[in-house]
Amino acid sequence: MVTFHTNHGDIVIKTFDDKAPETVKNFLDYCREGFTTTPFSTV
């Protein structure tokens, strides 16, 4: 689980590393590296 803390409340995201391990790893790496000002788009 990943939680984004925003001015409009928290957004909790469940990751599925069993289904998309490389995508989840990449996403978590970005989170750990502190990409806090990077916009994201609708999935």
PDB file of N, CA and C in Angstrom:
ATOM      1  N   MET A   1       0.841  -1.170   0.000  1.00  0.00           N
ATOM      2  CA  MET A   1       0.000   0.000   0.000  1.00  0.00           C
ATOM      3  C   MET A   1       0.891   1.241   0.000  1.00  0.00           C
ATOM      4  N   VAL A   2       0.465   2.215  -0.766  1.00  0.00           N
ATOM      5  CA  VAL A   2       1.166   3.493  -0.837  1.00  0.00           C
ATOM      6  C   VAL A   2       0.144   4.577  -0.532  1.00  0.00           C
ATOM      7  N   THR A   3       0.528   5.534   0.285  1.00  0.00           N
ATOM      8  CA  THR A   3      -0.374   6.633   0.615  1.00  0.00           C
ATOM      9  C   THR A   3       0.219   7.949   0.135  1.00  0.00           C
ATOM     10  N   PHE A   4      -0.559   8.663  -0.665  1.00  0.00           N
ATOM     11  CA  PHE A   4      -0.210  10.020  -1.078  1.00  0.00           C
ATOM     12  C   PHE A   4      -0.935  10.967  -0.126  1.00  0.00           C
ATOM     13  N   HIS A   5      -0.204  11.884   0.475  1.00  0.00           N
ATOM     14  CA  HIS A   5      -0.807  12.888   1.339  1.00  0.00           C
ATOM     15  C   HIS A   5      -0.927  14.173   0.522  1.00  0.00           C
ATOM     16  N   THR A   6      -2.170  14.611   0.290  1.00  0.00           N
ATOM     17  CA  THR A   6      -2.404  15.805  -0.519  1.00  0.00           C
ATOM     18  C   THR A   6      -3.161  16.853   0.296  1.00  0.00           C
ATOM     19  N   ASN A   7      -3.265  18.036  -0.260  1.00  0.00           N
ATOM     20  CA  ASN A   7      -4.043  19.106   0.375  1.00  0.00           C
ATOM     21  C   ASN A   7      -5.532  18.783   0.405  1.00  0.00           C
ATOM     22  N   HIS A   8      -5.950  17.822  -0.401  1.00  0.00           N
ATOM     23  CA  HIS A   8      -7.363  17.456  -0.495  1.00  0.00           C
ATOM     24  C   HIS A   8      -7.645  16.114   0.157  1.00  0.00           C
ATOM     25  N   GLY A   9      -6.726  15.639   0.962  1.00  0.00           N
ATOM     26  CA  GLY A   9      -6.903  14.358   1.644  1.00  0.00           C
ATOM     27  C   GLY A   9      -5.913  13.323   1.144  1.00  0.00           C
ATOM     28  N   ASP A  10      -5.951  12.175   1.783  1.00  0.00           N
ATOM     29  CA  ASP A  10      -5.031  11.098   1.434  1.00  0.00           C
ATOM     30  C   ASP A  10      -5.588  10.233   0.307  1.00  0.00           C
ATOM     31  N   ILE A  11      -4.674   9.719  -0.506  1.00  0.00           N
ATOM     32  CA  ILE A  11      -5.010   8.765  -1.560  1.00  0.00           C
ATOM     33  C   ILE A  11      -4.214   7.504  -1.258  1.00  0.00           C
ATOM     34  N   VAL A  12      -4.918   6.391  -1.061  1.00  0.00           N
ATOM     35  CA  VAL A  12      -4.261   5.124  -0.753  1.00  0.00           C
ATOM     36  C   VAL A  12      -4.308   4.240  -1.990  1.00  0.00           C
ATOM     37  N   ILE A  13      -3.144   3.717  -2.362  1.00  0.00           N
ATOM     38  CA  ILE A  13      -3.035   2.889  -3.559  1.00  0.00           C
ATOM     39  C   ILE A  13      -2.536   1.508  -3.170  1.00  0.00           C
ATOM     40  N   LYS A  14      -3.233   0.501  -3.634  1.00  0.00           N
ATOM     41  CA  LYS A  14      -2.789  -0.876  -3.431  1.00  0.00           C
ATOM     42  C   LYS A  14      -2.018  -1.301  -4.673  1.00  0.00           C
ATOM     43  N   THR A  15      -0.831  -1.834  -4.476  1.00  0.00           N
ATOM     44  CA  THR A  15      -0.030  -2.300  -5.605  1.00  0.00           C
ATOM     45  C   THR A  15      -0.181  -3.809  -5.749  1.00  0.00           C
ATOM     46  N   PHE A  16      -0.027  -4.289  -6.959  1.00  0.00           N
ATOM     47  CA  PHE A  16      -0.165  -5.713  -7.254  1.00  0.00           C
ATOM     48  C   PHE A  16       1.152  -6.234  -7.808  1.00  0.00           C
ATOM     49  N   ASP A  17       2.116  -6.411  -6.909  1.00  0.00           N
ATOM     50  CA  ASP A  17       3.435  -6.833  -7.365  1.00  0.00           C
ATOM     51  C   ASP A  17       3.453  -8.261  -7.882  1.00  0.00           C
ATOM     52  N   ASP A  18       2.441  -9.048  -7.554  1.00  0.00           N
ATOM     53  CA  ASP A  18       2.356 -10.402  -8.112  1.00  0.00           C
ATOM     54  C   ASP A  18       1.916 -10.373  -9.577  1.00  0.00           C
ATOM     55  N   LYS A  19       1.203  -9.332  -9.974  1.00  0.00           N
ATOM     56  CA  LYS A  19       0.703  -9.226 -11.347  1.00  0.00           C
ATOM     57  C   LYS A  19       1.589  -8.353 -12.240  1.00  0.00           C
ATOM     58  N   ALA A  20       2.228  -7.345 -11.648  1.00  0.00           N
ATOM     59  CA  ALA A  20       3.064  -6.421 -12.425  1.00  0.00           C
ATOM     60  C   ALA A  20       4.307  -6.047 -11.615  1.00  0.00           C
ATOM     61  N   PRO A  21       5.182  -7.010 -11.378  1.00  0.00           N
ATOM     62  CA  PRO A  21       6.318  -6.766 -10.480  1.00  0.00           C
ATOM     63  C   PRO A  21       7.257  -5.647 -10.932  1.00  0.00           C
ATOM     64  N   GLU A  22       7.543  -5.555 -12.206  1.00  0.00           N
ATOM     65  CA  GLU A  22       8.462  -4.514 -12.684  1.00  0.00           C
ATOM     66  C   GLU A  22       7.842  -3.123 -12.569  1.00  0.00           C
ATOM     67  N   THR A  23       6.566  -3.021 -12.878  1.00  0.00           N
ATOM     68  CA  THR A  23       5.871  -1.736 -12.781  1.00  0.00           C
ATOM     69  C   THR A  23       5.808  -1.266 -11.337  1.00  0.00           C
ATOM     70  N   VAL A  24       5.474  -2.178 -10.434  1.00  0.00           N
ATOM     71  CA  VAL A  24       5.405  -1.833  -9.013  1.00  0.00           C
ATOM     72  C   VAL A  24       6.787  -1.435  -8.497  1.00  0.00           C
ATOM     73  N   LYS A  25       7.807  -2.179  -8.872  1.00  0.00           N
ATOM     74  CA  LYS A  25       9.169  -1.855  -8.440  1.00  0.00           C
ATOM     75  C   LYS A  25       9.562  -0.460  -8.916  1.00  0.00           C
ATOM     76  N   ASN A  26       9.292  -0.167 -10.177  1.00  0.00           N
ATOM     77  CA  ASN A  26       9.611   1.143 -10.736  1.00  0.00           C
ATOM     78  C   ASN A  26       8.868   2.255  -9.986  1.00  0.00           C
ATOM     79  N   PHE A  27       7.592   2.054  -9.752  1.00  0.00           N
ATOM     80  CA  PHE A  27       6.769   3.031  -9.042  1.00  0.00           C
ATOM     81  C   PHE A  27       7.301   3.275  -7.628  1.00  0.00           C
ATOM     82  N   LEU A  28       7.607   2.191  -6.905  1.00  0.00           N
ATOM     83  CA  LEU A  28       8.111   2.320  -5.537  1.00  0.00           C
ATOM     84  C   LEU A  28       9.488   2.970  -5.505  1.00  0.00           C
ATOM     85  N   ASP A  29      10.307   2.683  -6.507  1.00  0.00           N
ATOM     86  CA  ASP A  29      11.614   3.343  -6.601  1.00  0.00           C
ATOM     87  C   ASP A  29      11.443   4.850  -6.739  1.00  0.00           C
ATOM     88  N   TYR A  30      10.509   5.278  -7.581  1.00  0.00           N
ATOM     89  CA  TYR A  30      10.235   6.711  -7.720  1.00  0.00           C
ATOM     90  C   TYR A  30       9.782   7.301  -6.383  1.00  0.00           C
ATOM     91  N   CYS A  31       8.934   6.592  -5.680  1.00  0.00           N
ATOM     92  CA  CYS A  31       8.460   7.079  -4.378  1.00  0.00           C
ATOM     93  C   CYS A  31       9.618   7.227  -3.403  1.00  0.00           C
ATOM     94  N   ARG A  32      10.476   6.244  -3.343  1.00  0.00           N
ATOM     95  CA  ARG A  32      11.615   6.272  -2.411  1.00  0.00           C
ATOM     96  C   ARG A  32      12.625   7.362  -2.766  1.00  0.00           C
ATOM     97  N   GLU A  33      12.755   7.652  -4.055  1.00  0.00           N
ATOM     98  CA  GLU A  33      13.724   8.652  -4.497  1.00  0.00           C
ATOM     99  C   GLU A  33      13.219  10.078  -4.286  1.00  0.00           C
ATOM    100  N   GLY A  34      11.967  10.216  -3.897  1.00  0.00           N
ATOM    101  CA  GLY A  34      11.451  11.532  -3.558  1.00  0.00           C
ATOM    102  C   GLY A  34      10.895  12.334  -4.711  1.00  0.00           C
ATOM    103  N   PHE A  35      10.328  11.680  -5.695  1.00  0.00           N
ATOM    104  CA  PHE A  35       9.691  12.396  -6.800  1.00  0.00           C
ATOM    105  C   PHE A  35       8.370  12.965  -6.298  1.00  0.00           C
ATOM    106  N   THR A  36       8.466  14.026  -5.499  1.00  0.00           N
ATOM    107  CA  THR A  36       7.266  14.568  -4.853  1.00  0.00           C
ATOM    108  C   THR A  36       6.593  15.675  -5.649  1.00  0.00           C
ATOM    109  N   THR A  37       7.264  16.208  -6.652  1.00  0.00           N
ATOM    110  CA  THR A  37       6.658  17.293  -7.431  1.00  0.00           C
ATOM    111  C   THR A  37       6.341  16.864  -8.858  1.00  0.00           C
ATOM    112  N   THR A  38       6.441  15.582  -9.127  1.00  0.00           N
ATOM    113  CA  THR A  38       6.180  15.074 -10.466  1.00  0.00           C
ATOM    114  C   THR A  38       4.681  14.844 -10.640  1.00  0.00           C
ATOM    115  N   PRO A  39       4.068  15.443 -11.663  1.00  0.00           N
ATOM    116  CA  PRO A  39       2.639  15.196 -11.894  1.00  0.00           C
ATOM    117  C   PRO A  39       2.410  13.770 -12.373  1.00  0.00           C
ATOM    118  N   PHE A  40       1.213  13.260 -12.132  1.00  0.00           N
ATOM    119  CA  PHE A  40       0.871  11.942 -12.656  1.00  0.00           C
ATOM    120  C   PHE A  40      -0.455  12.038 -13.382  1.00  0.00           C
ATOM    121  N   SER A  41      -0.665  11.137 -14.301  1.00  0.00           N
ATOM    122  CA  SER A  41      -1.867  11.191 -15.129  1.00  0.00           C
ATOM    123  C   SER A  41      -2.846  10.103 -14.726  1.00  0.00           C
ATOM    124  N   THR A  42      -4.042  10.206 -15.258  1.00  0.00           N
ATOM    125  CA  THR A  42      -5.071   9.213 -15.006  1.00  0.00           C
ATOM    126  C   THR A  42      -4.680   7.892 -15.637  1.00  0.00           C
ATOM    127  N   VAL A  43      -4.890   6.839 -14.909  1.00  0.00           N
ATOM    128  CA  VAL A  43      -4.562   5.504 -15.422  1.00  0.00           C
ATOM    129  C   VAL A  43      -5.825   4.857 -15.925  1.00  0.00           C
TER     130      VAL A  43
END
